[in-house]
Amino acid sequence: MPPNPLTVILKRIILTGYPLKCHKKKAVIRYMFFNPKDVKYFKPVELFTKFGLRGHIKDSLGTHGLMKCQFNDFIKQNDTVCLPLYKRQYPVWFEKTWNEDAKDDEEMVE
């Protein structure tokens, strides 16, 4: 891939959690976060499950990172709830690539 400064490189990670209690379209999810501050921060982000349901975070529950979520259909106990996160990655800067007069690492050692 040619070095283009307008190209955006994204890294994707997925946070997962598991239902603790399920009742129709609502569930209490655990092991995704470990404090209420994180639950509040990620509240606007949409959730999805391994079985294809979509949902969102309603509110935090307790002090250990549990959260109440609501989904578009009935959720089961054996489902996994996922939250995708994206981070922009910048390419490694090699001075020799951009500046022909730059010294190599080997020249600096000698």
PDB file of N, CA and C in Angstrom:
ATOM      1  N   MET A   1       0.849  -1.165   0.000  1.00  0.00           N
ATOM      2  CA  MET A   1       0.000   0.000   0.000  1.00  0.00           C
ATOM      3  C   MET A   1       0.903   1.238   0.000  1.00  0.00           C
ATOM      4  N   PRO A   2       0.696   2.159  -0.933  1.00  0.00           N
ATOM      5  CA  PRO A   2       1.538   3.351  -0.978  1.00  0.00           C
ATOM      6  C   PRO A   2       1.259   4.273   0.213  1.00  0.00           C
ATOM      7  N   PRO A   3       2.277   5.010   0.642  1.00  0.00           N
ATOM      8  CA  PRO A   3       2.065   5.918   1.782  1.00  0.00           C
ATOM      9  C   PRO A   3       1.219   7.118   1.364  1.00  0.00           C
ATOM     10  N   ASN A   4       0.001   7.162   1.827  1.00  0.00           N
ATOM     11  CA  ASN A   4      -0.918   8.245   1.521  1.00  0.00           C
ATOM     12  C   ASN A   4      -1.427   8.828   2.832  1.00  0.00           C
ATOM     13  N   PRO A   5      -1.195  10.116   3.085  1.00  0.00           N
ATOM     14  CA  PRO A   5      -1.623  10.696   4.362  1.00  0.00           C
ATOM     15  C   PRO A   5      -3.142  10.794   4.503  1.00  0.00           C
ATOM     16  N   LEU A   6      -3.877  10.678   3.403  1.00  0.00           N
ATOM     17  CA  LEU A   6      -5.328  10.767   3.472  1.00  0.00           C
ATOM     18  C   LEU A   6      -5.983   9.415   3.794  1.00  0.00           C
ATOM     19  N   THR A   7      -5.224   8.334   3.739  1.00  0.00           N
ATOM     20  CA  THR A   7      -5.754   7.016   4.065  1.00  0.00           C
ATOM     21  C   THR A   7      -5.924   6.884   5.580  1.00  0.00           C
ATOM     22  N   VAL A   8      -7.099   6.433   5.984  1.00  0.00           N
ATOM     23  CA  VAL A   8      -7.375   6.248   7.402  1.00  0.00           C
ATOM     24  C   VAL A   8      -7.278   4.757   7.720  1.00  0.00           C
ATOM     25  N   ILE A   9      -6.445   4.413   8.682  1.00  0.00           N
ATOM     26  CA  ILE A   9      -6.280   3.034   9.122  1.00  0.00           C
ATOM     27  C   ILE A   9      -6.944   2.899  10.486  1.00  0.00           C
ATOM     28  N   LEU A  10      -7.917   1.992  10.590  1.00  0.00           N
ATOM     29  CA  LEU A  10      -8.641   1.797  11.838  1.00  0.00           C
ATOM     30  C   LEU A  10      -8.331   0.434  12.434  1.00  0.00           C
ATOM     31  N   LYS A  11      -8.226   0.412  13.751  1.00  0.00           N
ATOM     32  CA  LYS A  11      -8.060  -0.840  14.489  1.00  0.00           C
ATOM     33  C   LYS A  11      -9.378  -1.095  15.219  1.00  0.00           C
ATOM     34  N   ARG A  12      -9.902  -2.298  15.111  1.00  0.00           N
ATOM     35  CA  ARG A  12     -11.182  -2.631  15.713  1.00  0.00           C
ATOM     36  C   ARG A  12     -10.979  -3.648  16.831  1.00  0.00           C
ATOM     37  N   ILE A  13     -11.555  -3.334  17.994  1.00  0.00           N
ATOM     38  CA  ILE A  13     -11.588  -4.315  19.073  1.00  0.00           C
ATOM     39  C   ILE A  13     -13.039  -4.476  19.501  1.00  0.00           C
ATOM     40  N   ILE A  14     -13.357  -5.610  20.059  1.00  0.00           N
ATOM     41  CA  ILE A  14     -14.725  -5.883  20.472  1.00  0.00           C
ATOM     42  C   ILE A  14     -14.723  -6.257  21.951  1.00  0.00           C
ATOM     43  N   LEU A  15     -15.454  -5.479  22.745  1.00  0.00           N
ATOM     44  CA  LEU A  15     -15.645  -5.808  24.157  1.00  0.00           C
ATOM     45  C   LEU A  15     -16.832  -6.751  24.257  1.00  0.00           C
ATOM     46  N   THR A  16     -16.717  -7.793  25.054  1.00  0.00           N
ATOM     47  CA  THR A  16     -17.802  -8.757  25.192  1.00  0.00           C
ATOM     48  C   THR A  16     -18.274  -8.842  26.635  1.00  0.00           C
ATOM     49  N   GLY A  17     -19.538  -9.150  26.795  1.00  0.00           N
ATOM     50  CA  GLY A  17     -20.145  -9.345  28.100  1.00  0.00           C
ATOM     51  C   GLY A  17     -21.168 -10.463  28.014  1.00  0.00           C
ATOM     52  N   TYR A  18     -21.620 -10.932  29.154  1.00  0.00           N
ATOM     53  CA  TYR A  18     -22.528 -12.070  29.197  1.00  0.00           C
ATOM     54  C   TYR A  18     -23.741 -11.739  30.050  1.00  0.00           C
ATOM     55  N   PRO A  19     -24.928 -12.212  29.647  1.00  0.00           N
ATOM     56  CA  PRO A  19     -26.144 -11.926  30.421  1.00  0.00           C
ATOM     57  C   PRO A  19     -26.113 -12.596  31.800  1.00  0.00           C
ATOM     58  N   LEU A  20     -26.440 -11.820  32.797  1.00  0.00           N
ATOM     59  CA  LEU A  20     -26.568 -12.342  34.150  1.00  0.00           C
ATOM     60  C   LEU A  20     -28.019 -12.730  34.414  1.00  0.00           C
ATOM     61  N   LYS A  21     -28.937 -11.837  34.044  1.00  0.00           N
ATOM     62  CA  LYS A  21     -30.375 -12.088  34.151  1.00  0.00           C
ATOM     63  C   LYS A  21     -31.031 -11.675  32.846  1.00  0.00           C
ATOM     64  N   CYS A  22     -31.966 -12.454  32.367  1.00  0.00           N
ATOM     65  CA  CYS A  22     -32.696 -12.145  31.137  1.00  0.00           C
ATOM     66  C   CYS A  22     -34.189 -12.147  31.424  1.00  0.00           C
ATOM     67  N   HIS A  23     -34.874 -11.152  30.905  1.00  0.00           N
ATOM     68  CA  HIS A  23     -36.331 -11.113  30.980  1.00  0.00           C
ATOM     69  C   HIS A  23     -36.855 -10.462  29.705  1.00  0.00           C
ATOM     70  N   LYS A  24     -37.392 -11.266  28.827  1.00  0.00           N
ATOM     71  CA  LYS A  24     -37.917 -10.842  27.531  1.00  0.00           C
ATOM     72  C   LYS A  24     -36.856 -10.069  26.757  1.00  0.00           C
ATOM     73  N   LYS A  25     -37.052  -8.767  26.546  1.00  0.00           N
ATOM     74  CA  LYS A  25     -36.115  -7.983  25.739  1.00  0.00           C
ATOM     75  C   LYS A  25     -35.059  -7.264  26.579  1.00  0.00           C
ATOM     76  N   LYS A  26     -35.137  -7.393  27.888  1.00  0.00           N
ATOM     77  CA  LYS A  26     -34.189  -6.715  28.773  1.00  0.00           C
ATOM     78  C   LYS A  26     -33.245  -7.733  29.396  1.00  0.00           C
ATOM     79  N   ALA A  27     -32.030  -7.268  29.701  1.00  0.00           N
ATOM     80  CA  ALA A  27     -31.051  -8.154  30.333  1.00  0.00           C
ATOM     81  C   ALA A  27     -30.086  -7.333  31.172  1.00  0.00           C
ATOM     82  N   VAL A  28     -29.520  -7.988  32.174  1.00  0.00           N
ATOM     83  CA  VAL A  28     -28.429  -7.407  32.956  1.00  0.00           C
ATOM     84  C   VAL A  28     -27.154  -8.082  32.464  1.00  0.00           C
ATOM     85  N   ILE A  29     -26.205  -7.260  32.009  1.00  0.00           N
ATOM     86  CA  ILE A  29     -24.965  -7.757  31.398  1.00  0.00           C
ATOM     87  C   ILE A  29     -23.809  -7.551  32.369  1.00  0.00           C
ATOM     88  N   ARG A  30     -22.925  -8.565  32.454  1.00  0.00           N
ATOM     89  CA  ARG A  30     -21.742  -8.445  33.306  1.00  0.00           C
ATOM     90  C   ARG A  30     -20.485  -8.789  32.517  1.00  0.00           C
ATOM     91  N   TYR A  31     -19.339  -8.500  33.092  1.00  0.00           N
ATOM     92  CA  TYR A  31     -17.996  -8.769  32.552  1.00  0.00           C
ATOM     93  C   TYR A  31     -17.632  -7.929  31.328  1.00  0.00           C
ATOM     94  N   MET A  32     -18.435  -6.927  30.971  1.00  0.00           N
ATOM     95  CA  MET A  32     -18.020  -6.042  29.881  1.00  0.00           C
ATOM     96  C   MET A  32     -17.253  -4.852  30.463  1.00  0.00           C
ATOM     97  N   PHE A  33     -17.754  -4.311  31.556  1.00  0.00           N
ATOM     98  CA  PHE A  33     -17.097  -3.210  32.250  1.00  0.00           C
ATOM     99  C   PHE A  33     -16.943  -3.575  33.718  1.00  0.00           C
ATOM    100  N   PHE A  34     -16.088  -2.833  34.420  1.00  0.00           N
ATOM    101  CA  PHE A  34     -15.844  -3.146  35.823  1.00  0.00           C
ATOM    102  C   PHE A  34     -16.063  -1.954  36.743  1.00  0.00           C
ATOM    103  N   ASN A  35     -16.549  -0.835  36.202  1.00  0.00           N
ATOM    104  CA  ASN A  35     -16.959   0.274  37.058  1.00  0.00           C
ATOM    105  C   ASN A  35     -18.072   1.072  36.363  1.00  0.00           C
ATOM    106  N   PRO A  36     -18.916   1.748  37.124  1.00  0.00           N
ATOM    107  CA  PRO A  36     -20.072   2.458  36.557  1.00  0.00           C
ATOM    108  C   PRO A  36     -19.691   3.628  35.646  1.00  0.00           C
ATOM    109  N   LYS A  37     -18.487   4.180  35.850  1.00  0.00           N
ATOM    110  CA  LYS A  37     -18.051   5.302  35.019  1.00  0.00           C
ATOM    111  C   LYS A  37     -17.899   4.881  33.552  1.00  0.00           C
ATOM    112  N   ASP A  38     -17.366   3.681  33.329  1.00  0.00           N
ATOM    113  CA  ASP A  38     -17.219   3.176  31.966  1.00  0.00           C
ATOM    114  C   ASP A  38     -18.578   2.915  31.314  1.00  0.00           C
ATOM    115  N   VAL A  39     -19.515   2.395  32.082  1.00  0.00           N
ATOM    116  CA  VAL A  39     -20.859   2.141  31.550  1.00  0.00           C
ATOM    117  C   VAL A  39     -21.488   3.455  31.094  1.00  0.00           C
ATOM    118  N   LYS A  40     -21.351   4.485  31.895  1.00  0.00           N
ATOM    119  CA  LYS A  40     -21.910   5.799  31.554  1.00  0.00           C
ATOM    120  C   LYS A  40     -21.235   6.385  30.311  1.00  0.00           C
ATOM    121  N   TYR A  41     -19.924   6.182  30.170  1.00  0.00           N
ATOM    122  CA  TYR A  41     -19.177   6.720  29.037  1.00  0.00           C
ATOM    123  C   TYR A  41     -19.611   6.070  27.716  1.00  0.00           C
ATOM    124  N   PHE A  42     -19.849   4.748  27.733  1.00  0.00           N
ATOM    125  CA  PHE A  42     -20.188   4.016  26.513  1.00  0.00           C
ATOM    126  C   PHE A  42     -21.694   3.874  26.294  1.00  0.00           C
ATOM    127  N   LYS A  43     -22.508   4.611  27.019  1.00  0.00           N
ATOM    128  CA  LYS A  43     -23.959   4.505  26.909  1.00  0.00           C
ATOM    129  C   LYS A  43     -24.502   4.799  25.504  1.00  0.00           C
ATOM    130  N   PRO A  44     -23.979   5.768  24.746  1.00  0.00           N
ATOM    131  CA  PRO A  44     -24.540   6.046  23.411  1.00  0.00           C
ATOM    132  C   PRO A  44     -24.218   4.993  22.344  1.00  0.00           C
ATOM    133  N   VAL A  45     -23.276   4.098  22.596  1.00  0.00           N
ATOM    134  CA  VAL A  45     -22.836   3.130  21.580  1.00  0.00           C
ATOM    135  C   VAL A  45     -23.836   1.972  21.493  1.00  0.00           C
ATOM    136  N   GLU A  46     -24.125   1.542  20.254  1.00  0.00           N
ATOM    137  CA  GLU A  46     -25.058   0.437  20.032  1.00  0.00           C
ATOM    138  C   GLU A  46     -24.375  -0.904  20.311  1.00  0.00           C
ATOM    139  N   LEU A  47     -25.113  -1.821  20.889  1.00  0.00           N
ATOM    140  CA  LEU A  47     -24.626  -3.164  21.177  1.00  0.00           C
ATOM    141  C   LEU A  47     -25.152  -4.133  20.120  1.00  0.00           C
ATOM    142  N   PHE A  48     -24.476  -5.259  19.954  1.00  0.00           N
ATOM    143  CA  PHE A  48     -25.012  -6.346  19.156  1.00  0.00           C
ATOM    144  C   PHE A  48     -24.670  -7.665  19.831  1.00  0.00           C
ATOM    145  N   THR A  49     -25.368  -8.715  19.454  1.00  0.00           N
ATOM    146  CA  THR A  49     -25.128 -10.018  20.054  1.00  0.00           C
ATOM    147  C   THR A  49     -24.677 -11.006  18.990  1.00  0.00           C
ATOM    148  N   LYS A  50     -24.165 -12.147  19.433  1.00  0.00           N
ATOM    149  CA  LYS A  50     -23.717 -13.189  18.511  1.00  0.00           C
ATOM    150  C   LYS A  50     -24.876 -13.770  17.712  1.00  0.00           C
ATOM    151  N   PHE A  51     -26.090 -13.707  18.270  1.00  0.00           N
ATOM    152  CA  PHE A  51     -27.269 -14.222  17.574  1.00  0.00           C
ATOM    153  C   PHE A  51     -27.946 -13.171  16.706  1.00  0.00           C
ATOM    154  N   GLY A  52     -27.341 -11.981  16.576  1.00  0.00           N
ATOM    155  CA  GLY A  52     -27.840 -10.971  15.644  1.00  0.00           C
ATOM    156  C   GLY A  52     -28.789  -9.938  16.209  1.00  0.00           C
ATOM    157  N   LEU A  53     -28.964  -9.876  17.516  1.00  0.00           N
ATOM    158  CA  LEU A  53     -29.836  -8.863  18.103  1.00  0.00           C
ATOM    159  C   LEU A  53     -29.104  -7.533  18.194  1.00  0.00           C
ATOM    160  N   ARG A  54     -29.859  -6.447  18.186  1.00  0.00           N
ATOM    161  CA  ARG A  54     -29.311  -5.099  18.377  1.00  0.00           C
ATOM    162  C   ARG A  54     -29.898  -4.530  19.660  1.00  0.00           C
ATOM    163  N   GLY A  55     -29.111  -3.717  20.355  1.00  0.00           N
ATOM    164  CA  GLY A  55     -29.606  -3.151  21.596  1.00  0.00           C
ATOM    165  C   GLY A  55     -28.812  -1.946  22.029  1.00  0.00           C
ATOM    166  N   HIS A  56     -29.177  -1.412  23.175  1.00  0.00           N
ATOM    167  CA  HIS A  56     -28.448  -0.280  23.739  1.00  0.00           C
ATOM    168  C   HIS A  56     -28.470  -0.354  25.265  1.00  0.00           C
ATOM    169  N   ILE A  57     -27.564   0.391  25.871  1.00  0.00           N
ATOM    170  CA  ILE A  57     -27.415   0.407  27.331  1.00  0.00           C
ATOM    171  C   ILE A  57     -28.453   1.357  27.917  1.00  0.00           C
ATOM    172  N   LYS A  58     -29.222   0.878  28.894  1.00  0.00           N
ATOM    173  CA  LYS A  58     -30.210   1.727  29.559  1.00  0.00           C
ATOM    174  C   LYS A  58     -29.563   2.494  30.712  1.00  0.00           C
ATOM    175  N   ASP A  59     -28.932   1.771  31.652  1.00  0.00           N
ATOM    176  CA  ASP A  59     -28.256   2.442  32.760  1.00  0.00           C
ATOM    177  C   ASP A  59     -27.337   1.473  33.491  1.00  0.00           C
ATOM    178  N   SER A  60     -26.534   2.045  34.380  1.00  0.00           N
ATOM    179  CA  SER A  60     -25.592   1.268  35.176  1.00  0.00           C
ATOM    180  C   SER A  60     -26.324   0.664  36.365  1.00  0.00           C
ATOM    181  N   LEU A  61     -25.792  -0.449  36.852  1.00  0.00           N
ATOM    182  CA  LEU A  61     -26.442  -1.153  37.953  1.00  0.00           C
ATOM    183  C   LEU A  61     -25.370  -1.550  38.967  1.00  0.00           C
ATOM    184  N   GLY A  62     -25.381  -0.943  40.129  1.00  0.00           N
ATOM    185  CA  GLY A  62     -24.408  -1.285  41.160  1.00  0.00           C
ATOM    186  C   GLY A  62     -23.066  -0.606  40.936  1.00  0.00           C
ATOM    187  N   THR A  63     -22.067  -1.092  41.671  1.00  0.00           N
ATOM    188  CA  THR A  63     -20.743  -0.459  41.633  1.00  0.00           C
ATOM    189  C   THR A  63     -19.688  -1.320  40.957  1.00  0.00           C
ATOM    190  N   HIS A  64     -20.083  -2.472  40.391  1.00  0.00           N
ATOM    191  CA  HIS A  64     -19.100  -3.397  39.815  1.00  0.00           C
ATOM    192  C   HIS A  64     -19.162  -3.496  38.302  1.00  0.00           C
ATOM    193  N   GLY A  65     -19.839  -2.556  37.626  1.00  0.00           N
ATOM    194  CA  GLY A  65     -19.852  -2.550  36.169  1.00  0.00           C
ATOM    195  C   GLY A  65     -20.994  -3.313  35.533  1.00  0.00           C
ATOM    196  N   LEU A  66     -21.976  -3.739  36.298  1.00  0.00           N
ATOM    197  CA  LEU A  66     -23.158  -4.359  35.698  1.00  0.00           C
ATOM    198  C   LEU A  66     -23.970  -3.280  34.993  1.00  0.00           C
ATOM    199  N   MET A  67     -24.733  -3.673  33.969  1.00  0.00           N
ATOM    200  CA  MET A  67     -25.542  -2.688  33.256  1.00  0.00           C
ATOM    201  C   MET A  67     -26.826  -3.316  32.751  1.00  0.00           C
ATOM    202  N   LYS A  68     -27.875  -2.490  32.708  1.00  0.00           N
ATOM    203  CA  LYS A  68     -29.146  -2.909  32.151  1.00  0.00           C
ATOM    204  C   LYS A  68     -29.148  -2.558  30.675  1.00  0.00           C
ATOM    205  N   CYS A  69     -29.572  -3.518  29.847  1.00  0.00           N
ATOM    206  CA  CYS A  69     -29.619  -3.305  28.398  1.00  0.00           C
ATOM    207  C   CYS A  69     -30.970  -3.727  27.867  1.00  0.00           C
ATOM    208  N   GLN A  70     -31.365  -3.109  26.756  1.00  0.00           N
ATOM    209  CA  GLN A  70     -32.606  -3.470  26.102  1.00  0.00           C
ATOM    210  C   GLN A  70     -32.292  -3.813  24.651  1.00  0.00           C
ATOM    211  N   PHE A  71     -32.925  -4.887  24.148  1.00  0.00           N
ATOM    212  CA  PHE A  71     -32.646  -5.381  22.806  1.00  0.00           C
ATOM    213  C   PHE A  71     -33.913  -5.365  21.959  1.00  0.00           C
ATOM    214  N   ASN A  72     -33.743  -5.607  20.652  1.00  0.00           N
ATOM    215  CA  ASN A  72     -34.878  -5.527  19.741  1.00  0.00           C
ATOM    216  C   ASN A  72     -35.715  -6.805  19.699  1.00  0.00           C
ATOM    217  N   ASP A  73     -35.271  -7.867  20.336  1.00  0.00           N
ATOM    218  CA  ASP A  73     -36.022  -9.121  20.396  1.00  0.00           C
ATOM    219  C   ASP A  73     -35.650  -9.842  21.694  1.00  0.00           C
ATOM    220  N   PHE A  74     -36.261 -10.971  21.947  1.00  0.00           N
ATOM    221  CA  PHE A  74     -35.987 -11.702  23.185  1.00  0.00           C
ATOM    222  C   PHE A  74     -34.539 -12.179  23.206  1.00  0.00           C
ATOM    223  N   ILE A  75     -33.871 -11.977  24.332  1.00  0.00           N
ATOM    224  CA  ILE A  75     -32.478 -12.394  24.489  1.00  0.00           C
ATOM    225  C   ILE A  75     -32.429 -13.656  25.341  1.00  0.00           C
ATOM    226  N   LYS A  76     -31.499 -14.529  25.020  1.00  0.00           N
ATOM    227  CA  LYS A  76     -31.344 -15.781  25.745  1.00  0.00           C
ATOM    228  C   LYS A  76     -30.107 -15.733  26.631  1.00  0.00           C
ATOM    229  N   GLN A  77     -30.074 -16.624  27.589  1.00  0.00           N
ATOM    230  CA  GLN A  77     -28.980 -16.670  28.558  1.00  0.00           C
ATOM    231  C   GLN A  77     -27.647 -17.058  27.913  1.00  0.00           C
ATOM    232  N   ASN A  78     -27.671 -17.842  26.832  1.00  0.00           N
ATOM    233  CA  ASN A  78     -26.429 -18.317  26.222  1.00  0.00           C
ATOM    234  C   ASN A  78     -25.907 -17.390  25.134  1.00  0.00           C
ATOM    235  N   ASP A  79     -26.415 -16.173  25.040  1.00  0.00           N
ATOM    236  CA  ASP A  79     -25.965 -15.201  24.048  1.00  0.00           C
ATOM    237  C   ASP A  79     -24.750 -14.433  24.577  1.00  0.00           C
ATOM    238  N   THR A  80     -24.004 -13.830  23.671  1.00  0.00           N
ATOM    239  CA  THR A  80     -22.859 -12.995  24.037  1.00  0.00           C
ATOM    240  C   THR A  80     -23.103 -11.594  23.514  1.00  0.00           C
ATOM    241  N   VAL A  81     -22.976 -10.602  24.371  1.00  0.00           N
ATOM    242  CA  VAL A  81     -23.213  -9.216  23.994  1.00  0.00           C
ATOM    243  C   VAL A  81     -21.872  -8.576  23.626  1.00  0.00           C
ATOM    244  N   CYS A  82     -21.828  -7.878  22.490  1.00  0.00           N
ATOM    245  CA  CYS A  82     -20.578  -7.300  21.985  1.00  0.00           C
ATOM    246  C   CYS A  82     -20.723  -5.793  21.791  1.00  0.00           C
ATOM    247  N   LEU A  83     -19.619  -5.087  21.976  1.00  0.00           N
ATOM    248  CA  LEU A  83     -19.559  -3.649  21.778  1.00  0.00           C
ATOM    249  C   LEU A  83     -18.319  -3.354  20.938  1.00  0.00           C
ATOM    250  N   PRO A  84     -18.489  -2.912  19.684  1.00  0.00           N
ATOM    251  CA  PRO A  84     -17.317  -2.648  18.837  1.00  0.00           C
ATOM    252  C   PRO A  84     -16.701  -1.281  19.146  1.00  0.00           C
ATOM    253  N   LEU A  85     -15.386  -1.228  19.188  1.00  0.00           N
ATOM    254  CA  LEU A  85     -14.653   0.023  19.387  1.00  0.00           C
ATOM    255  C   LEU A  85     -13.636   0.182  18.268  1.00  0.00           C
ATOM    256  N   TYR A  86     -13.461   1.412  17.806  1.00  0.00           N
ATOM    257  CA  TYR A  86     -12.536   1.696  16.716  1.00  0.00           C
ATOM    258  C   TYR A  86     -11.533   2.739  17.169  1.00  0.00           C
ATOM    259  N   LYS A  87     -10.279   2.566  16.740  1.00  0.00           N
ATOM    260  CA  LYS A  87      -9.219   3.513  17.082  1.00  0.00           C
ATOM    261  C   LYS A  87      -8.384   3.764  15.839  1.00  0.00           C
ATOM    262  N   ARG A  88      -8.085   5.007  15.574  1.00  0.00           N
ATOM    263  CA  ARG A  88      -7.273   5.327  14.411  1.00  0.00           C
ATOM    264  C   ARG A  88      -5.814   4.985  14.693  1.00  0.00           C
ATOM    265  N   GLN A  89      -5.180   4.309  13.728  1.00  0.00           N
ATOM    266  CA  GLN A  89      -3.778   3.940  13.831  1.00  0.00           C
ATOM    267  C   GLN A  89      -2.983   4.789  12.843  1.00  0.00           C
ATOM    268  N   TYR A  90      -1.852   5.287  13.282  1.00  0.00           N
ATOM    269  CA  TYR A  90      -0.974   6.063  12.423  1.00  0.00           C
ATOM    270  C   TYR A  90       0.212   5.200  12.008  1.00  0.00           C
ATOM    271  N   PRO A  91       0.656   5.329  10.756  1.00  0.00           N
ATOM    272  CA  PRO A  91       1.785   4.505  10.315  1.00  0.00           C
ATOM    273  C   PRO A  91       3.078   4.896  11.034  1.00  0.00           C
ATOM    274  N   VAL A  92       4.004   3.953  11.082  1.00  0.00           N
ATOM    275  CA  VAL A  92       5.300   4.207  11.705  1.00  0.00           C
ATOM    276  C   VAL A  92       6.077   5.176  10.820  1.00  0.00           C
ATOM    277  N   TRP A  93       6.720   6.144  11.431  1.00  0.00           N
ATOM    278  CA  TRP A  93       7.423   7.189  10.690  1.00  0.00           C
ATOM    279  C   TRP A  93       8.862   6.741  10.419  1.00  0.00           C
ATOM    280  N   PHE A  94       9.190   6.546   9.136  1.00  0.00           N
ATOM    281  CA  PHE A  94      10.547   6.243   8.724  1.00  0.00           C
ATOM    282  C   PHE A  94      11.096   7.474   8.016  1.00  0.00           C
ATOM    283  N   GLU A  95      12.076   8.111   8.625  1.00  0.00           N
ATOM    284  CA  GLU A  95      12.624   9.354   8.104  1.00  0.00           C
ATOM    285  C   GLU A  95      13.198   9.172   6.702  1.00  0.00           C
ATOM    286  N   LYS A  96      13.797   8.036   6.418  1.00  0.00           N
ATOM    287  CA  LYS A  96      14.421   7.773   5.119  1.00  0.00           C
ATOM    288  C   LYS A  96      13.382   7.800   3.989  1.00  0.00           C
ATOM    289  N   THR A  97      12.157   7.408   4.288  1.00  0.00           N
ATOM    290  CA  THR A  97      11.100   7.386   3.282  1.00  0.00           C
ATOM    291  C   THR A  97      10.747   8.789   2.812  1.00  0.00           C
ATOM    292  N   TRP A  98      10.736   9.742   3.721  1.00  0.00           N
ATOM    293  CA  TRP A  98      10.282  11.088   3.394  1.00  0.00           C
ATOM    294  C   TRP A  98      11.432  12.042   3.081  1.00  0.00           C
ATOM    295  N   ASN A  99      12.605  11.757   3.609  1.00  0.00           N
ATOM    296  CA  ASN A  99      13.743  12.655   3.446  1.00  0.00           C
ATOM    297  C   ASN A  99      14.948  11.824   3.015  1.00  0.00           C
ATOM    298  N   GLU A 100      15.381  12.019   1.769  1.00  0.00           N
ATOM    299  CA  GLU A 100      16.487  11.207   1.248  1.00  0.00           C
ATOM    300  C   GLU A 100      17.817  11.541   1.927  1.00  0.00           C
ATOM    301  N   ASP A 101      17.942  12.731   2.488  1.00  0.00           N
ATOM    302  CA  ASP A 101      19.187  13.141   3.127  1.00  0.00           C
ATOM    303  C   ASP A 101      19.315  12.624   4.563  1.00  0.00           C
ATOM    304  N   ALA A 102      18.283  11.996   5.067  1.00  0.00           N
ATOM    305  CA  ALA A 102      18.314  11.505   6.449  1.00  0.00           C
ATOM    306  C   ALA A 102      19.284  10.340   6.581  1.00  0.00           C
ATOM    307  N   LYS A 103      19.875  10.230   7.777  1.00  0.00           N
ATOM    308  CA  LYS A 103      20.822   9.155   8.042  1.00  0.00           C
ATOM    309  C   LYS A 103      20.085   7.889   8.448  1.00  0.00           C
ATOM    310  N   ASP A 104      20.633   6.749   8.064  1.00  0.00           N
ATOM    311  CA  ASP A 104      20.085   5.448   8.474  1.00  0.00           C
ATOM    312  C   ASP A 104      20.501   5.186   9.924  1.00  0.00           C
ATOM    313  N   ASP A 105      19.818   4.240  10.533  1.00  0.00           N
ATOM    314  CA  ASP A 105      20.196   3.819  11.886  1.00  0.00           C
ATOM    315  C   ASP A 105      21.602   3.208  11.897  1.00  0.00           C
ATOM    316  N   GLU A 106      21.955   2.518  10.807  1.00  0.00           N
ATOM    317  CA  GLU A 106      23.280   1.892  10.734  1.00  0.00           C
ATOM    318  C   GLU A 106      24.370   2.956  10.668  1.00  0.00           C
ATOM    319  N   GLU A 107      24.112   4.060   9.958  1.00  0.00           N
ATOM    320  CA  GLU A 107      25.107   5.132   9.859  1.00  0.00           C
ATOM    321  C   GLU A 107      25.286   5.821  11.203  1.00  0.00           C
ATOM    322  N   MET A 108      24.218   5.927  11.981  1.00  0.00           N
ATOM    323  CA  MET A 108      24.318   6.590  13.279  1.00  0.00           C
ATOM    324  C   MET A 108      25.138   5.789  14.277  1.00  0.00           C
ATOM    325  N   VAL A 109      25.093   4.462  14.160  1.00  0.00           N
ATOM    326  CA  VAL A 109      25.805   3.589  15.085  1.00  0.00           C
ATOM    327  C   VAL A 109      27.308   3.695  14.838  1.00  0.00           C
ATOM    328  N   GLU A 110      27.723   3.767  13.596  1.00  0.00           N
ATOM    329  CA  GLU A 110      29.150   3.782  13.271  1.00  0.00           C
ATOM    330  C   GLU A 110      29.864   5.028  13.656  1.00  0.00           C
TER     331      GLU A 110
END
